[in-house]
């Protein structure tokens, strides 16, 4: 039972750290400057390299009837 709580706390700390990183990235992008364009290109390049398959039930419907 102790492992469950330890894992839950670790997951919460990880989520908080991820939120902090995202917040810092957004602040960096919002501040503008010469590095903003490079940061955007790096983020897009990383996201294009990830092949995430979306389950069929989550894909948008093209049937508009």
PDB file of N, CA and C in Angstrom:
ATOM      1  N   UNK A   1       0.827  -1.195   0.000  1.00  0.00           N
ATOM      2  CA  UNK A   1       0.000   0.000   0.000  1.00  0.00           C
ATOM      3  C   UNK A   1       0.866   1.252   0.000  1.00  0.00           C
ATOM      4  N   UNK A   2       2.014   1.150   0.673  1.00  0.00           N
ATOM      5  CA  UNK A   2       2.930   2.288   0.718  1.00  0.00           C
ATOM      6  C   UNK A   2       3.456   2.612  -0.675  1.00  0.00           C
ATOM      7  N   UNK A   3       3.695   1.577  -1.493  1.00  0.00           N
ATOM      8  CA  UNK A   3       4.159   1.810  -2.859  1.00  0.00           C
ATOM      9  C   UNK A   3       3.138   2.589  -3.672  1.00  0.00           C
ATOM     10  N   UNK A   4       1.858   2.321  -3.449  1.00  0.00           N
ATOM     11  CA  UNK A   4       0.814   3.044  -4.175  1.00  0.00           C
ATOM     12  C   UNK A   4       0.908   4.537  -3.892  1.00  0.00           C
ATOM     13  N   UNK A   5       1.009   4.912  -2.621  1.00  0.00           N
ATOM     14  CA  UNK A   5       1.065   6.328  -2.254  1.00  0.00           C
ATOM     15  C   UNK A   5       2.354   6.971  -2.734  1.00  0.00           C
ATOM     16  N   UNK A   6       3.443   6.242  -2.668  1.00  0.00           N
ATOM     17  CA  UNK A   6       4.721   6.769  -3.149  1.00  0.00           C
ATOM     18  C   UNK A   6       4.640   7.023  -4.651  1.00  0.00           C
ATOM     19  N   UNK A   7       4.055   6.081  -5.391  1.00  0.00           N
ATOM     20  CA  UNK A   7       3.900   6.261  -6.831  1.00  0.00           C
ATOM     21  C   UNK A   7       2.961   7.420  -7.150  1.00  0.00           C
ATOM     22  N   UNK A   8       1.905   7.564  -6.368  1.00  0.00           N
ATOM     23  CA  UNK A   8       0.961   8.657  -6.579  1.00  0.00           C
ATOM     24  C   UNK A   8       1.632  10.012  -6.332  1.00  0.00           C
ATOM     25  N   UNK A   9       2.411  10.097  -5.276  1.00  0.00           N
ATOM     26  CA  UNK A   9       3.129  11.341  -4.978  1.00  0.00           C
ATOM     27  C   UNK A   9       4.161  11.632  -6.061  1.00  0.00           C
ATOM     28  N   UNK A  10       4.881  10.605  -6.506  1.00  0.00           N
ATOM     29  CA  UNK A  10       5.860  10.794  -7.582  1.00  0.00           C
ATOM     30  C   UNK A  10       5.187  11.273  -8.864  1.00  0.00           C
ATOM     31  N   UNK A  11       4.035  10.717  -9.177  1.00  0.00           N
ATOM     32  CA  UNK A  11       3.307  11.150 -10.376  1.00  0.00           C
ATOM     33  C   UNK A  11       2.858  12.597 -10.244  1.00  0.00           C
ATOM     34  N   UNK A  12       2.420  12.988  -9.065  1.00  0.00           N
ATOM     35  CA  UNK A  12       2.018  14.378  -8.840  1.00  0.00           C
ATOM     36  C   UNK A  12       3.191  15.333  -8.957  1.00  0.00           C
ATOM     37  N   UNK A  13       4.332  14.956  -8.396  1.00  0.00           N
ATOM     38  CA  UNK A  13       5.529  15.795  -8.512  1.00  0.00           C
ATOM     39  C   UNK A  13       5.997  15.907  -9.956  1.00  0.00           C
ATOM     40  N   UNK A  14       5.921  14.810 -10.685  1.00  0.00           N
ATOM     41  CA  UNK A  14       6.292  14.825 -12.097  1.00  0.00           C
ATOM     42  C   UNK A  14       5.365  15.751 -12.884  1.00  0.00           C
ATOM     43  N   UNK A  15       4.066  15.671 -12.629  1.00  0.00           N
ATOM     44  CA  UNK A  15       3.104  16.531 -13.318  1.00  0.00           C
ATOM     45  C   UNK A  15       3.362  18.002 -13.007  1.00  0.00           C
ATOM     46  N   UNK A  16       3.693  18.307 -11.757  1.00  0.00           N
ATOM     47  CA  UNK A  16       3.994  19.693 -11.379  1.00  0.00           C
ATOM     48  C   UNK A  16       5.253  20.184 -12.079  1.00  0.00           C
ATOM     49  N   UNK A  17       6.249  19.324 -12.192  1.00  0.00           N
ATOM     50  CA  UNK A  17       7.483  19.702 -12.880  1.00  0.00           C
ATOM     51  C   UNK A  17       7.231  19.947 -14.363  1.00  0.00           C
ATOM     52  N   UNK A  18       6.418  19.101 -14.972  1.00  0.00           N
ATOM     53  CA  UNK A  18       6.082  19.272 -16.380  1.00  0.00           C
ATOM     54  C   UNK A  18       5.346  20.592 -16.593  1.00  0.00           C
ATOM     55  N   UNK A  19       4.408  20.898 -15.715  1.00  0.00           N
ATOM     56  CA  UNK A  19       3.681  22.166 -15.819  1.00  0.00           C
ATOM     57  C   UNK A  19       4.628  23.354 -15.692  1.00  0.00           C
ATOM     58  N   UNK A  20       5.610  23.237 -14.824  1.00  0.00           N
ATOM     59  CA  UNK A  20       6.593  24.303 -14.676  1.00  0.00           C
ATOM     60  C   UNK A  20       7.410  24.514 -15.937  1.00  0.00           C
ATOM     61  N   UNK A  21       7.827  23.418 -16.557  1.00  0.00           N
ATOM     62  CA  UNK A  21       8.590  23.509 -17.800  1.00  0.00           C
ATOM     63  C   UNK A  21       7.739  24.138 -18.898  1.00  0.00           C
ATOM     64  N   UNK A  22       6.488  23.725 -18.992  1.00  0.00           N
ATOM     65  CA  UNK A  22       5.596  24.300 -20.004  1.00  0.00           C
ATOM     66  C   UNK A  22       5.402  25.788 -19.755  1.00  0.00           C
ATOM     67  N   UNK A  23       5.217  26.179 -18.511  1.00  0.00           N
ATOM     68  CA  UNK A  23       5.040  27.597 -18.183  1.00  0.00           C
ATOM     69  C   UNK A  23       6.269  28.403 -18.560  1.00  0.00           C
ATOM     70  N   UNK A  24       7.457  27.888 -18.258  1.00  0.00           N
ATOM     71  CA  UNK A  24       8.679  28.595 -18.617  1.00  0.00           C
ATOM     72  C   UNK A  24       8.847  28.721 -20.126  1.00  0.00           C
ATOM     73  N   UNK A  25       8.478  27.664 -20.849  1.00  0.00           N
ATOM     74  CA  UNK A  25       8.553  27.740 -22.315  1.00  0.00           C
ATOM     75  C   UNK A  25       7.596  28.778 -22.865  1.00  0.00           C
ATOM     76  N   UNK A  26       6.388  28.820 -22.323  1.00  0.00           N
ATOM     77  CA  UNK A  26       5.412  29.809 -22.791  1.00  0.00           C
ATOM     78  C   UNK A  26       5.870  31.236 -22.472  1.00  0.00           C
ATOM     79  N   UNK A  27       6.468  31.433 -21.303  1.00  0.00           N
ATOM     80  CA  UNK A  27       6.999  32.747 -20.951  1.00  0.00           C
ATOM     81  C   UNK A  27       8.112  33.135 -21.926  1.00  0.00           C
ATOM     82  N   UNK A  28       8.959  32.173 -22.225  1.00  0.00           N
ATOM     83  CA  UNK A  28      10.051  32.431 -23.165  1.00  0.00           C
ATOM     84  C   UNK A  28       9.526  32.805 -24.540  1.00  0.00           C
ATOM     85  N   UNK A  29       8.488  32.095 -24.998  1.00  0.00           N
ATOM     86  CA  UNK A  29       7.913  32.402 -26.304  1.00  0.00           C
ATOM     87  C   UNK A  29       7.203  33.752 -26.292  1.00  0.00           C
ATOM     88  N   UNK A  30       6.525  34.059 -25.200  1.00  0.00           N
ATOM     89  CA  UNK A  30       5.777  35.314 -25.122  1.00  0.00           C
ATOM     90  C   UNK A  30       6.699  36.520 -25.037  1.00  0.00           C
ATOM     91  N   UNK A  31       7.916  36.331 -24.531  1.00  0.00           N
ATOM     92  CA  UNK A  31       8.831  37.455 -24.381  1.00  0.00           C
ATOM     93  C   UNK A  31       9.403  37.916 -25.716  1.00  0.00           C
ATOM     94  N   UNK A  32       9.289  37.052 -26.723  1.00  0.00           N
ATOM     95  CA  UNK A  32       9.820  37.424 -28.038  1.00  0.00           C
ATOM     96  C   UNK A  32      11.325  37.317 -28.052  1.00  0.00           C
ATOM     97  N   UNK A  33      11.954  38.138 -28.859  1.00  0.00           N
ATOM     98  CA  UNK A  33      13.410  38.121 -28.931  1.00  0.00           C
ATOM     99  C   UNK A  33      13.904  37.267 -30.081  1.00  0.00           C
ATOM    100  N   UNK A  34      15.210  37.247 -30.215  1.00  0.00           N
ATOM    101  CA  UNK A  34      15.812  36.561 -31.356  1.00  0.00           C
ATOM    102  C   UNK A  34      15.746  35.041 -31.238  1.00  0.00           C
ATOM    103  N   UNK A  35      15.673  34.527 -30.015  1.00  0.00           N
ATOM    104  CA  UNK A  35      15.671  33.069 -29.830  1.00  0.00           C
ATOM    105  C   UNK A  35      14.278  32.461 -29.953  1.00  0.00           C
ATOM    106  N   UNK A  36      13.249  33.285 -30.019  1.00  0.00           N
ATOM    107  CA  UNK A  36      11.876  32.773 -30.057  1.00  0.00           C
ATOM    108  C   UNK A  36      11.632  31.929 -31.296  1.00  0.00           C
ATOM    109  N   UNK A  37      12.057  32.427 -32.439  1.00  0.00           N
ATOM    110  CA  UNK A  37      11.846  31.692 -33.689  1.00  0.00           C
ATOM    111  C   UNK A  37      12.547  30.337 -33.649  1.00  0.00           C
ATOM    112  N   UNK A  38      13.776  30.335 -33.157  1.00  0.00           N
ATOM    113  CA  UNK A  38      14.523  29.072 -33.077  1.00  0.00           C
ATOM    114  C   UNK A  38      13.846  28.095 -32.130  1.00  0.00           C
ATOM    115  N   UNK A  39      13.319  28.595 -31.009  1.00  0.00           N
ATOM    116  CA  UNK A  39      12.625  27.735 -30.041  1.00  0.00           C
ATOM    117  C   UNK A  39      11.367  27.126 -30.649  1.00  0.00           C
ATOM    118  N   UNK A  40      10.624  27.924 -31.405  1.00  0.00           N
ATOM    119  CA  UNK A  40       9.412  27.418 -32.059  1.00  0.00           C
ATOM    120  C   UNK A  40       9.772  26.336 -33.073  1.00  0.00           C
ATOM    121  N   UNK A  41      10.806  26.560 -33.858  1.00  0.00           N
ATOM    122  CA  UNK A  41      11.209  25.564 -34.852  1.00  0.00           C
ATOM    123  C   UNK A  41      11.682  24.275 -34.184  1.00  0.00           C
ATOM    124  N   UNK A  42      12.412  24.398 -33.070  1.00  0.00           N
ATOM    125  CA  UNK A  42      12.849  23.191 -32.352  1.00  0.00           C
ATOM    126  C   UNK A  42      11.654  22.411 -31.824  1.00  0.00           C
ATOM    127  N   UNK A  43      10.682  23.120 -31.255  1.00  0.00           N
ATOM    128  CA  UNK A  43       9.504  22.442 -30.700  1.00  0.00           C
ATOM    129  C   UNK A  43       8.708  21.754 -31.803  1.00  0.00           C
ATOM    130  N   UNK A  44       8.540  22.428 -32.929  1.00  0.00           N
ATOM    131  CA  UNK A  44       7.788  21.820 -34.032  1.00  0.00           C
ATOM    132  C   UNK A  44       8.533  20.639 -34.627  1.00  0.00           C
ATOM    133  N   UNK A  45       9.833  20.744 -34.730  1.00  0.00           N
ATOM    134  CA  UNK A  45      10.624  19.647 -35.280  1.00  0.00           C
ATOM    135  C   UNK A  45      10.513  18.424 -34.376  1.00  0.00           C
ATOM    136  N   UNK A  46      10.548  18.654 -33.052  1.00  0.00           N
ATOM    137  CA  UNK A  46      10.401  17.540 -32.111  1.00  0.00           C
ATOM    138  C   UNK A  46       9.026  16.910 -32.207  1.00  0.00           C
ATOM    139  N   UNK A  47       7.999  17.735 -32.349  1.00  0.00           N
ATOM    140  CA  UNK A  47       6.644  17.191 -32.382  1.00  0.00           C
ATOM    141  C   UNK A  47       6.381  16.444 -33.680  1.00  0.00           C
ATOM    142  N   UNK A  48       7.011  16.856 -34.770  1.00  0.00           N
ATOM    143  CA  UNK A  48       6.827  16.138 -36.045  1.00  0.00           C
ATOM    144  C   UNK A  48       7.500  14.776 -36.023  1.00  0.00           C
ATOM    145  N   UNK A  49       8.554  14.642 -35.234  1.00  0.00           N
ATOM    146  CA  UNK A  49       9.288  13.383 -35.183  1.00  0.00           C
ATOM    147  C   UNK A  49       8.586  12.330 -34.341  1.00  0.00           C
ATOM    148  N   UNK A  50       7.590  12.725 -33.593  1.00  0.00           N
ATOM    149  CA  UNK A  50       6.849  11.766 -32.772  1.00  0.00           C
ATOM    150  C   UNK A  50       5.658  11.266 -33.567  1.00  0.00           C
ATOM    151  N   UNK A  51       5.552   9.984 -33.676  1.00  0.00           N
ATOM    152  CA  UNK A  51       4.427   9.388 -34.388  1.00  0.00           C
ATOM    153  C   UNK A  51       3.459   8.832 -33.359  1.00  0.00           C
ATOM    154  N   UNK A  52       2.478   9.639 -33.048  1.00  0.00           N
ATOM    155  CA  UNK A  52       1.500   9.246 -32.043  1.00  0.00           C
ATOM    156  C   UNK A  52       0.242   8.805 -32.774  1.00  0.00           C
ATOM    157  N   UNK A  53      -0.140   7.583 -32.564  1.00  0.00           N
ATOM    158  CA  UNK A  53      -1.349   7.107 -33.221  1.00  0.00           C
ATOM    159  C   UNK A  53      -2.554   7.428 -32.339  1.00  0.00           C
ATOM    160  N   UNK A  54      -3.560   7.974 -32.959  1.00  0.00           N
ATOM    161  CA  UNK A  54      -4.794   8.325 -32.260  1.00  0.00           C
ATOM    162  C   UNK A  54      -5.764   7.163 -32.428  1.00  0.00           C
ATOM    163  N   UNK A  55      -6.337   6.701 -31.318  1.00  0.00           N
ATOM    164  CA  UNK A  55      -7.312   5.619 -31.450  1.00  0.00           C
ATOM    165  C   UNK A  55      -8.460   6.020 -32.366  1.00  0.00           C
ATOM    166  N   UNK A  56      -8.990   5.057 -33.053  1.00  0.00           N
ATOM    167  CA  UNK A  56     -10.034   5.322 -34.037  1.00  0.00           C
ATOM    168  C   UNK A  56     -11.238   6.045 -33.440  1.00  0.00           C
ATOM    169  N   UNK A  57     -11.600   5.725 -32.199  1.00  0.00           N
ATOM    170  CA  UNK A  57     -12.765   6.358 -31.588  1.00  0.00           C
ATOM    171  C   UNK A  57     -12.502   7.810 -31.232  1.00  0.00           C
ATOM    172  N   UNK A  58     -11.228   8.243 -31.203  1.00  0.00           N
ATOM    173  CA  UNK A  58     -10.923   9.634 -30.900  1.00  0.00           C
ATOM    174  C   UNK A  58     -10.711  10.481 -32.166  1.00  0.00           C
ATOM    175  N   UNK A  59     -10.635   9.839 -33.323  1.00  0.00           N
ATOM    176  CA  UNK A  59     -10.426  10.587 -34.555  1.00  0.00           C
ATOM    177  C   UNK A  59     -11.677  11.362 -34.913  1.00  0.00           C
ATOM    178  N   UNK A  60     -11.498  12.567 -35.460  1.00  0.00           N
ATOM    179  CA  UNK A  60     -12.658  13.362 -35.823  1.00  0.00           C
ATOM    180  C   UNK A  60     -13.477  12.686 -36.922  1.00  0.00           C
ATOM    181  N   UNK A  61     -14.756  12.861 -36.820  1.00  0.00           N
ATOM    182  CA  UNK A  61     -15.649  12.266 -37.797  1.00  0.00           C
ATOM    183  C   UNK A  61     -15.681  13.128 -39.044  1.00  0.00           C
ATOM    184  N   UNK A  62     -15.645  12.497 -40.204  1.00  0.00           N
ATOM    185  CA  UNK A  62     -15.759  13.233 -41.467  1.00  0.00           C
ATOM    186  C   UNK A  62     -17.159  13.109 -42.038  1.00  0.00           C
ATOM    187  N   UNK A  63     -17.999  12.375 -41.351  1.00  0.00           N
ATOM    188  CA  UNK A  63     -19.365  12.209 -41.803  1.00  0.00           C
ATOM    189  C   UNK A  63     -20.235  13.286 -41.156  1.00  0.00           C
ATOM    190  N   UNK A  64     -20.681  14.248 -41.956  1.00  0.00           N
ATOM    191  CA  UNK A  64     -21.425  15.385 -41.421  1.00  0.00           C
ATOM    192  C   UNK A  64     -22.933  15.266 -41.647  1.00  0.00           C
ATOM    193  N   UNK A  65     -23.419  14.080 -41.706  1.00  0.00           N
ATOM    194  CA  UNK A  65     -24.852  13.884 -41.942  1.00  0.00           C
ATOM    195  C   UNK A  65     -25.645  14.080 -40.689  1.00  0.00           C
TER     196      UNK A  65
END
